[in-house]
N, C-alpha and C. Protein backbone atom coordinates (compact mmCIF):
# COMPACT_ATOMS: atom_id res chain seq x y z
N MET A 1 -71.06 111.10 138.85
CA MET A 1 -71.68 111.23 140.15
C MET A 1 -71.32 110.03 141.00
N HIS A 2 -71.60 110.20 142.24
CA HIS A 2 -71.34 109.12 143.17
C HIS A 2 -72.48 108.12 143.13
N SER A 3 -72.09 106.89 143.13
CA SER A 3 -73.13 105.86 143.19
C SER A 3 -73.30 105.43 144.64
N LYS A 4 -74.52 105.26 145.01
CA LYS A 4 -74.84 104.89 146.38
C LYS A 4 -74.74 103.38 146.51
N LYS A 5 -73.97 102.90 147.46
CA LYS A 5 -73.84 101.47 147.67
C LYS A 5 -74.84 101.04 148.76
N ASN A 6 -75.51 100.00 148.45
CA ASN A 6 -76.48 99.46 149.39
C ASN A 6 -75.81 98.33 150.16
N TYR A 7 -75.45 98.56 151.40
CA TYR A 7 -74.76 97.56 152.20
C TYR A 7 -75.78 96.74 152.99
N ASN A 8 -76.26 95.71 152.39
CA ASN A 8 -77.11 94.78 153.12
C ASN A 8 -76.58 93.37 152.92
N ASN A 9 -77.02 92.47 153.71
CA ASN A 9 -76.50 91.11 153.68
C ASN A 9 -77.26 90.20 152.74
N LYS A 10 -78.23 90.71 152.01
CA LYS A 10 -79.01 89.89 151.10
C LYS A 10 -78.34 89.92 149.72
N LEU A 11 -77.51 88.96 149.49
CA LEU A 11 -76.79 88.89 148.23
C LEU A 11 -77.30 87.72 147.41
N ASP A 12 -77.14 87.82 146.08
CA ASP A 12 -77.60 86.75 145.20
C ASP A 12 -76.61 85.60 145.12
N PHE A 13 -75.42 85.79 145.60
CA PHE A 13 -74.41 84.75 145.53
C PHE A 13 -73.96 84.40 146.95
N PRO A 14 -73.48 83.17 147.15
CA PRO A 14 -73.09 82.77 148.51
C PRO A 14 -71.83 83.49 148.98
N ILE A 15 -71.78 83.73 150.28
CA ILE A 15 -70.65 84.41 150.89
C ILE A 15 -69.78 83.37 151.57
N GLN A 16 -68.49 83.49 151.42
CA GLN A 16 -67.60 82.61 152.14
C GLN A 16 -67.23 83.26 153.46
N GLY A 17 -66.97 82.43 154.45
CA GLY A 17 -66.56 82.97 155.74
C GLY A 17 -67.72 83.07 156.70
N LEU A 18 -67.60 84.01 157.61
CA LEU A 18 -68.60 84.16 158.65
C LEU A 18 -69.85 84.83 158.13
N ARG A 19 -70.99 84.35 158.61
CA ARG A 19 -72.28 84.92 158.25
C ARG A 19 -73.01 85.31 159.52
N PRO A 20 -73.91 86.25 159.43
CA PRO A 20 -74.71 86.59 160.61
C PRO A 20 -75.58 85.41 161.03
N MET A 21 -75.80 85.29 162.32
CA MET A 21 -76.59 84.19 162.86
C MET A 21 -78.02 84.24 162.33
N SER A 22 -78.54 85.42 162.12
CA SER A 22 -79.92 85.54 161.67
C SER A 22 -80.13 84.98 160.28
N LYS A 23 -79.09 84.90 159.48
CA LYS A 23 -79.22 84.36 158.13
C LYS A 23 -79.31 82.84 158.13
N SER A 24 -78.86 82.20 159.18
CA SER A 24 -78.87 80.74 159.22
C SER A 24 -80.15 80.18 159.84
N LEU A 25 -81.00 81.03 160.44
CA LEU A 25 -82.24 80.56 161.06
C LEU A 25 -83.35 80.44 160.02
N PRO A 26 -84.20 79.44 160.13
CA PRO A 26 -85.36 79.34 159.23
C PRO A 26 -86.31 80.51 159.44
N LYS A 27 -87.06 80.85 158.40
CA LYS A 27 -87.96 82.01 158.47
C LYS A 27 -89.02 81.85 159.55
N GLY A 28 -89.60 80.66 159.69
CA GLY A 28 -90.64 80.44 160.69
C GLY A 28 -90.12 80.61 162.10
N LEU A 29 -88.89 80.18 162.34
CA LEU A 29 -88.30 80.31 163.66
C LEU A 29 -88.00 81.77 164.00
N LYS A 30 -87.64 82.55 162.98
CA LYS A 30 -87.36 83.98 163.22
C LYS A 30 -88.60 84.69 163.75
N THR A 31 -89.76 84.40 163.16
CA THR A 31 -90.98 85.08 163.61
C THR A 31 -91.36 84.66 165.03
N ILE A 32 -91.14 83.40 165.35
CA ILE A 32 -91.46 82.94 166.71
C ILE A 32 -90.53 83.61 167.72
N LEU A 33 -89.26 83.72 167.39
CA LEU A 33 -88.31 84.36 168.31
C LEU A 33 -88.61 85.84 168.48
N LYS A 34 -89.05 86.50 167.40
CA LYS A 34 -89.39 87.92 167.51
C LYS A 34 -90.62 88.13 168.38
N LYS A 35 -91.55 87.18 168.34
CA LYS A 35 -92.77 87.29 169.14
C LYS A 35 -92.57 86.84 170.58
N GLY A 36 -91.42 86.26 170.90
CA GLY A 36 -91.16 85.82 172.26
C GLY A 36 -91.76 84.47 172.58
N GLY A 37 -91.83 83.58 171.60
CA GLY A 37 -92.41 82.26 171.81
C GLY A 37 -91.64 81.43 172.81
N TYR A 38 -90.35 81.69 172.93
CA TYR A 38 -89.55 80.93 173.90
C TYR A 38 -89.92 81.32 175.32
N ASN A 39 -90.35 82.56 175.53
CA ASN A 39 -90.80 82.96 176.87
C ASN A 39 -92.09 82.22 177.25
N TYR A 40 -93.00 82.12 176.31
CA TYR A 40 -94.25 81.40 176.57
C TYR A 40 -93.97 79.93 176.83
N ALA A 41 -93.05 79.36 176.07
CA ALA A 41 -92.70 77.95 176.28
C ALA A 41 -92.07 77.73 177.64
N SER A 42 -91.24 78.66 178.08
CA SER A 42 -90.62 78.50 179.39
C SER A 42 -91.65 78.68 180.51
N ILE A 43 -92.65 79.52 180.31
CA ILE A 43 -93.72 79.65 181.30
C ILE A 43 -94.49 78.33 181.42
N ILE A 44 -94.77 77.72 180.29
CA ILE A 44 -95.50 76.45 180.30
C ILE A 44 -94.66 75.36 180.96
N ASN A 45 -93.38 75.30 180.62
CA ASN A 45 -92.52 74.24 181.16
C ASN A 45 -92.37 74.35 182.67
N TYR A 46 -92.25 75.56 183.19
CA TYR A 46 -91.99 75.76 184.61
C TYR A 46 -93.23 76.27 185.36
N TRP A 47 -94.42 76.03 184.83
CA TRP A 47 -95.64 76.59 185.41
C TRP A 47 -95.84 76.16 186.87
N SER A 48 -95.74 74.88 187.14
CA SER A 48 -95.99 74.43 188.52
C SER A 48 -94.90 74.90 189.47
N ASP A 49 -93.66 75.06 188.97
CA ASP A 49 -92.59 75.58 189.82
C ASP A 49 -92.75 77.08 190.07
N LEU A 50 -93.26 77.80 189.07
CA LEU A 50 -93.42 79.25 189.21
C LEU A 50 -94.51 79.63 190.19
N VAL A 51 -95.69 79.03 190.03
CA VAL A 51 -96.84 79.49 190.80
C VAL A 51 -97.20 78.60 191.97
N GLY A 52 -96.63 77.42 192.06
CA GLY A 52 -96.96 76.52 193.15
C GLY A 52 -98.00 75.49 192.74
N LYS A 53 -98.04 74.41 193.48
CA LYS A 53 -98.92 73.29 193.14
C LYS A 53 -100.39 73.65 193.27
N GLN A 54 -100.75 74.41 194.29
CA GLN A 54 -102.16 74.73 194.52
C GLN A 54 -102.76 75.50 193.35
N ILE A 55 -102.04 76.49 192.86
CA ILE A 55 -102.56 77.30 191.75
C ILE A 55 -102.42 76.55 190.43
N SER A 56 -101.34 75.80 190.24
CA SER A 56 -101.16 75.10 188.97
C SER A 56 -102.18 73.99 188.78
N ASP A 57 -102.79 73.50 189.88
CA ASP A 57 -103.82 72.48 189.76
C ASP A 57 -105.15 73.05 189.28
N VAL A 58 -105.37 74.35 189.45
CA VAL A 58 -106.66 74.93 189.09
C VAL A 58 -106.62 75.78 187.83
N CYS A 59 -105.42 76.07 187.31
CA CYS A 59 -105.34 76.88 186.10
C CYS A 59 -104.07 76.56 185.33
N TYR A 60 -104.06 76.97 184.06
CA TYR A 60 -102.88 76.80 183.22
C TYR A 60 -102.86 77.91 182.18
N PRO A 61 -101.68 78.29 181.68
CA PRO A 61 -101.60 79.40 180.73
C PRO A 61 -102.14 79.02 179.36
N LYS A 62 -102.93 79.92 178.79
CA LYS A 62 -103.49 79.69 177.46
C LYS A 62 -102.66 80.40 176.40
N SER A 63 -102.39 81.69 176.62
CA SER A 63 -101.59 82.45 175.66
C SER A 63 -101.05 83.69 176.35
N ILE A 64 -100.15 84.38 175.64
CA ILE A 64 -99.61 85.62 176.16
C ILE A 64 -99.49 86.60 175.01
N LYS A 65 -99.86 87.83 175.27
CA LYS A 65 -99.77 88.90 174.27
C LYS A 65 -98.79 89.94 174.79
N THR A 66 -97.74 90.19 173.99
CA THR A 66 -96.75 91.18 174.37
C THR A 66 -96.53 92.16 173.24
N GLY A 67 -95.88 93.27 173.58
CA GLY A 67 -95.52 94.26 172.57
C GLY A 67 -94.22 93.88 171.87
N ARG A 68 -93.69 94.79 171.09
CA ARG A 68 -92.47 94.52 170.34
C ARG A 68 -91.26 94.36 171.25
N GLU A 69 -91.24 95.04 172.37
CA GLU A 69 -90.09 94.97 173.27
C GLU A 69 -90.17 93.77 174.21
N LEU A 70 -91.21 92.94 174.07
CA LEU A 70 -91.46 91.80 174.95
C LEU A 70 -91.59 92.23 176.41
N LYS A 71 -92.26 93.34 176.61
CA LYS A 71 -92.51 93.85 177.96
C LYS A 71 -94.00 94.11 178.11
N ASP A 72 -94.44 94.20 179.35
CA ASP A 72 -95.82 94.54 179.69
C ASP A 72 -96.82 93.66 178.95
N GLY A 73 -96.65 92.35 179.05
CA GLY A 73 -97.53 91.41 178.39
C GLY A 73 -98.78 91.13 179.20
N ILE A 74 -99.75 90.53 178.53
CA ILE A 74 -100.99 90.12 179.17
C ILE A 74 -101.06 88.60 179.06
N LEU A 75 -101.09 87.93 180.21
CA LEU A 75 -101.13 86.48 180.26
C LEU A 75 -102.57 86.04 180.40
N HIS A 76 -103.01 85.16 179.50
CA HIS A 76 -104.37 84.62 179.54
C HIS A 76 -104.30 83.24 180.20
N LEU A 77 -105.09 83.07 181.26
CA LEU A 77 -105.10 81.81 182.00
C LEU A 77 -106.46 81.13 181.87
N ASN A 78 -106.44 79.83 181.58
CA ASN A 78 -107.65 79.03 181.65
C ASN A 78 -107.82 78.58 183.09
N VAL A 79 -108.94 78.93 183.69
CA VAL A 79 -109.20 78.63 185.10
C VAL A 79 -110.46 77.78 185.16
N PHE A 80 -110.40 76.71 185.98
CA PHE A 80 -111.55 75.85 186.15
C PHE A 80 -112.64 76.58 186.93
N HIS A 81 -113.87 76.34 186.53
CA HIS A 81 -115.02 76.99 187.16
C HIS A 81 -115.06 76.65 188.64
N GLY A 82 -115.20 77.68 189.46
CA GLY A 82 -115.25 77.51 190.91
C GLY A 82 -113.94 77.86 191.58
N ASP A 83 -112.86 77.88 190.84
CA ASP A 83 -111.55 78.20 191.41
C ASP A 83 -111.05 79.57 190.98
N GLN A 84 -111.91 80.37 190.38
CA GLN A 84 -111.47 81.66 189.86
C GLN A 84 -111.11 82.64 190.98
N LEU A 85 -111.72 82.50 192.15
CA LEU A 85 -111.40 83.41 193.25
C LEU A 85 -109.98 83.20 193.75
N LEU A 86 -109.54 81.96 193.81
CA LEU A 86 -108.18 81.66 194.24
C LEU A 86 -107.16 82.31 193.31
N VAL A 87 -107.41 82.22 192.02
CA VAL A 87 -106.49 82.81 191.05
C VAL A 87 -106.59 84.34 191.08
N GLU A 88 -107.81 84.85 191.24
CA GLU A 88 -108.00 86.31 191.29
C GLU A 88 -107.26 86.93 192.46
N TYR A 89 -107.31 86.29 193.62
CA TYR A 89 -106.61 86.83 194.79
C TYR A 89 -105.10 86.71 194.68
N ASN A 90 -104.62 85.75 193.89
CA ASN A 90 -103.18 85.53 193.75
C ASN A 90 -102.60 86.11 192.46
N LYS A 91 -103.34 86.98 191.78
CA LYS A 91 -102.85 87.57 190.53
C LYS A 91 -101.52 88.29 190.71
N THR A 92 -101.42 89.11 191.73
CA THR A 92 -100.19 89.87 191.92
C THR A 92 -99.02 88.97 192.26
N ASN A 93 -99.28 87.90 193.03
CA ASN A 93 -98.21 86.94 193.33
C ASN A 93 -97.73 86.24 192.07
N ILE A 94 -98.66 85.85 191.20
CA ILE A 94 -98.29 85.17 189.96
C ILE A 94 -97.47 86.10 189.08
N ILE A 95 -97.91 87.35 188.95
CA ILE A 95 -97.19 88.33 188.13
C ILE A 95 -95.79 88.54 188.68
N ASP A 96 -95.67 88.70 189.99
CA ASP A 96 -94.36 88.92 190.60
C ASP A 96 -93.43 87.73 190.37
N LYS A 97 -93.94 86.52 190.54
CA LYS A 97 -93.10 85.34 190.38
C LYS A 97 -92.63 85.17 188.94
N ILE A 98 -93.50 85.44 187.98
CA ILE A 98 -93.10 85.34 186.56
C ILE A 98 -92.08 86.40 186.22
N ASN A 99 -92.29 87.63 186.69
CA ASN A 99 -91.34 88.71 186.39
C ASN A 99 -89.99 88.48 187.05
N VAL A 100 -89.98 87.91 188.24
CA VAL A 100 -88.71 87.58 188.90
C VAL A 100 -87.99 86.48 188.11
N PHE A 101 -88.76 85.52 187.58
CA PHE A 101 -88.18 84.44 186.79
C PHE A 101 -87.47 84.99 185.55
N PHE A 102 -88.08 85.97 184.88
CA PHE A 102 -87.48 86.52 183.66
C PHE A 102 -86.49 87.64 183.94
N GLY A 103 -86.62 88.29 185.07
CA GLY A 103 -85.68 89.35 185.42
C GLY A 103 -86.10 90.73 184.96
N TYR A 104 -87.23 90.87 184.36
CA TYR A 104 -87.78 92.17 183.96
C TYR A 104 -89.30 92.05 183.93
N GLN A 105 -89.99 93.17 183.70
CA GLN A 105 -91.46 93.14 183.74
C GLN A 105 -91.99 92.56 182.44
N PHE A 106 -92.09 91.25 182.41
CA PHE A 106 -92.59 90.55 181.23
C PHE A 106 -94.11 90.52 181.21
N VAL A 107 -94.73 90.33 182.37
CA VAL A 107 -96.19 90.27 182.47
C VAL A 107 -96.68 91.46 183.28
N LYS A 108 -97.65 92.18 182.72
CA LYS A 108 -98.23 93.33 183.41
C LYS A 108 -99.59 92.99 183.99
N ASP A 109 -100.35 92.15 183.30
CA ASP A 109 -101.71 91.86 183.72
C ASP A 109 -102.04 90.39 183.41
N ILE A 110 -103.01 89.87 184.13
CA ILE A 110 -103.49 88.51 183.90
C ILE A 110 -104.98 88.58 183.64
N ARG A 111 -105.40 87.93 182.56
CA ARG A 111 -106.82 87.82 182.23
C ARG A 111 -107.25 86.38 182.49
N ILE A 112 -108.40 86.22 183.11
CA ILE A 112 -108.91 84.91 183.48
C ILE A 112 -109.98 84.49 182.48
N ILE A 113 -109.84 83.27 181.97
CA ILE A 113 -110.82 82.68 181.07
C ILE A 113 -111.37 81.44 181.77
N LEU A 114 -112.67 81.42 182.01
CA LEU A 114 -113.28 80.30 182.73
C LEU A 114 -113.56 79.14 181.78
N ILE A 115 -113.24 77.95 182.24
CA ILE A 115 -113.61 76.75 181.51
C ILE A 115 -114.46 75.89 182.43
N LYS A 116 -115.47 75.24 181.87
CA LYS A 116 -116.46 74.56 182.69
C LYS A 116 -116.02 73.19 183.16
N GLU A 117 -115.31 72.45 182.32
CA GLU A 117 -114.99 71.07 182.67
C GLU A 117 -113.50 70.91 182.92
N ARG A 118 -113.18 70.08 183.87
CA ARG A 118 -111.79 69.72 184.10
C ARG A 118 -111.41 68.63 183.10
N ILE A 119 -110.20 68.72 182.60
CA ILE A 119 -109.71 67.71 181.68
C ILE A 119 -108.89 66.73 182.51
N ASP A 120 -109.44 65.57 182.73
CA ASP A 120 -108.74 64.55 183.52
C ASP A 120 -107.96 63.64 182.58
N PRO A 121 -106.78 63.25 182.98
CA PRO A 121 -106.03 62.31 182.14
C PRO A 121 -106.74 60.96 182.11
N LYS A 122 -106.55 60.25 181.02
CA LYS A 122 -107.18 58.95 180.88
C LYS A 122 -106.64 58.00 181.93
N LYS A 123 -107.53 57.27 182.52
CA LYS A 123 -107.13 56.26 183.48
C LYS A 123 -107.15 54.91 182.78
N ASP A 124 -106.07 54.17 182.92
CA ASP A 124 -106.00 52.85 182.32
C ASP A 124 -106.90 51.90 183.11
N ILE A 125 -107.76 51.23 182.39
CA ILE A 125 -108.67 50.28 183.01
C ILE A 125 -108.05 48.90 182.85
N ILE A 126 -107.73 48.30 183.96
CA ILE A 126 -107.11 46.98 183.94
C ILE A 126 -108.06 46.02 184.64
N LEU A 127 -108.43 44.98 183.93
CA LEU A 127 -109.30 43.98 184.52
C LEU A 127 -108.45 42.94 185.22
N GLY A 128 -108.64 42.80 186.50
CA GLY A 128 -107.95 41.75 187.24
C GLY A 128 -108.71 40.44 187.11
N ASN A 129 -108.17 39.40 187.66
CA ASN A 129 -108.83 38.09 187.60
C ASN A 129 -110.15 38.09 188.33
N ASN A 130 -110.23 38.86 189.44
CA ASN A 130 -111.48 38.88 190.19
C ASN A 130 -112.59 39.58 189.40
N LYS A 131 -112.25 40.62 188.61
CA LYS A 131 -113.27 41.31 187.81
C LYS A 131 -113.74 40.42 186.66
N VAL A 132 -112.80 39.69 186.03
CA VAL A 132 -113.18 38.80 184.94
C VAL A 132 -114.11 37.72 185.47
N SER A 133 -113.79 37.17 186.63
CA SER A 133 -114.66 36.13 187.20
C SER A 133 -116.03 36.72 187.56
N LYS A 134 -116.06 37.97 187.98
CA LYS A 134 -117.33 38.64 188.30
C LYS A 134 -118.19 38.76 187.04
N TYR A 135 -117.55 39.13 185.92
CA TYR A 135 -118.29 39.24 184.67
C TYR A 135 -118.73 37.85 184.18
N GLN A 136 -117.90 36.84 184.42
CA GLN A 136 -118.27 35.49 184.01
C GLN A 136 -119.49 35.01 184.80
N LYS A 137 -119.57 35.38 186.06
CA LYS A 137 -120.73 35.00 186.88
C LYS A 137 -122.00 35.67 186.36
N ASN A 138 -121.88 36.92 185.93
CA ASN A 138 -123.04 37.63 185.39
C ASN A 138 -123.45 37.09 184.03
N LEU A 139 -122.50 36.48 183.29
CA LEU A 139 -122.82 35.91 181.99
C LEU A 139 -123.76 34.71 182.10
N VAL A 140 -123.71 34.03 183.21
CA VAL A 140 -124.55 32.85 183.41
C VAL A 140 -126.03 33.24 183.39
N LYS A 141 -126.34 34.44 183.84
CA LYS A 141 -127.72 34.90 183.93
C LYS A 141 -128.34 35.23 182.58
N ILE A 142 -127.48 35.44 181.55
CA ILE A 142 -128.00 35.83 180.22
C ILE A 142 -128.56 34.59 179.53
N GLN A 143 -129.77 34.72 178.97
CA GLN A 143 -130.47 33.60 178.34
C GLN A 143 -130.08 33.43 176.87
N ASN A 144 -129.83 34.51 176.15
CA ASN A 144 -129.55 34.48 174.71
C ASN A 144 -128.13 33.93 174.48
N PRO A 145 -127.96 32.78 173.78
CA PRO A 145 -126.62 32.19 173.61
C PRO A 145 -125.70 33.02 172.70
N GLU A 146 -126.27 33.68 171.69
CA GLU A 146 -125.44 34.51 170.80
C GLU A 146 -124.87 35.72 171.55
N LEU A 147 -125.71 36.37 172.31
CA LEU A 147 -125.29 37.53 173.09
C LEU A 147 -124.25 37.12 174.14
N LYS A 148 -124.48 35.97 174.76
CA LYS A 148 -123.55 35.46 175.76
C LYS A 148 -122.18 35.20 175.15
N LYS A 149 -122.16 34.64 173.94
CA LYS A 149 -120.90 34.33 173.26
C LYS A 149 -120.16 35.61 172.88
N LYS A 150 -120.90 36.62 172.38
CA LYS A 150 -120.28 37.89 171.97
C LYS A 150 -119.70 38.65 173.17
N ILE A 151 -120.42 38.67 174.27
CA ILE A 151 -119.93 39.36 175.47
C ILE A 151 -118.72 38.64 176.03
N ASN A 152 -118.72 37.31 175.98
CA ASN A 152 -117.58 36.54 176.45
C ASN A 152 -116.34 36.84 175.59
N ASN A 153 -116.54 36.94 174.26
CA ASN A 153 -115.43 37.29 173.37
C ASN A 153 -114.91 38.70 173.67
N LEU A 154 -115.82 39.62 173.98
CA LEU A 154 -115.42 40.99 174.31
C LEU A 154 -114.60 41.03 175.60
N ILE A 155 -115.03 40.28 176.61
CA ILE A 155 -114.29 40.24 177.88
C ILE A 155 -112.90 39.64 177.68
N ASN A 156 -112.82 38.58 176.89
CA ASN A 156 -111.52 37.95 176.62
C ASN A 156 -110.60 38.88 175.83
N ALA A 157 -111.16 39.56 174.84
CA ALA A 157 -110.35 40.48 174.03
C ALA A 157 -109.84 41.64 174.89
N PHE A 158 -110.70 42.15 175.77
CA PHE A 158 -110.31 43.28 176.61
C PHE A 158 -109.24 42.88 177.63
N SER A 159 -109.36 41.67 178.18
CA SER A 159 -108.36 41.22 179.15
C SER A 159 -107.04 40.86 178.47
N ASN A 160 -107.08 40.41 177.20
CA ASN A 160 -105.84 40.11 176.47
C ASN A 160 -105.14 41.36 175.97
N LYS A 161 -105.88 42.46 175.89
CA LYS A 161 -105.32 43.72 175.38
C LYS A 161 -104.26 44.31 176.29
N LYS A 162 -104.34 44.01 177.59
CA LYS A 162 -103.40 44.56 178.58
C LYS A 162 -102.05 44.70 178.00
């Protein structure tokens, strides 16, 4: 009888010559590429360019859910409390701009997730000479010598940390 040959690229021994590109990718990267993780990364990278400064200041993308064909996705946006109306009115503009960026209908709908607090970047606190002298003047008023010494050491350590 005829034996059926199974023509697949999963062999137990190494192949010389050209190999398919998919065989050289790590398994974790394959799943990310199949899910369209590069599309989400490009949305994050170009977010302020895509939607404009006004909208990018009040919201940012949280996640995206797409089907197998990477079409008709749902973009989840974290929106700061109080600015949800601005994003709600500009939903169609955001969808159009993202779809024009990708060249096909990548996003079909946008879901808004409200967050209560704004996340502000840390501000570096730098003590100038005038602030150190201000704290030194206030140290004179303290009666306890141990406390005065410890606070003075803290001010010196903080100013040397710069």
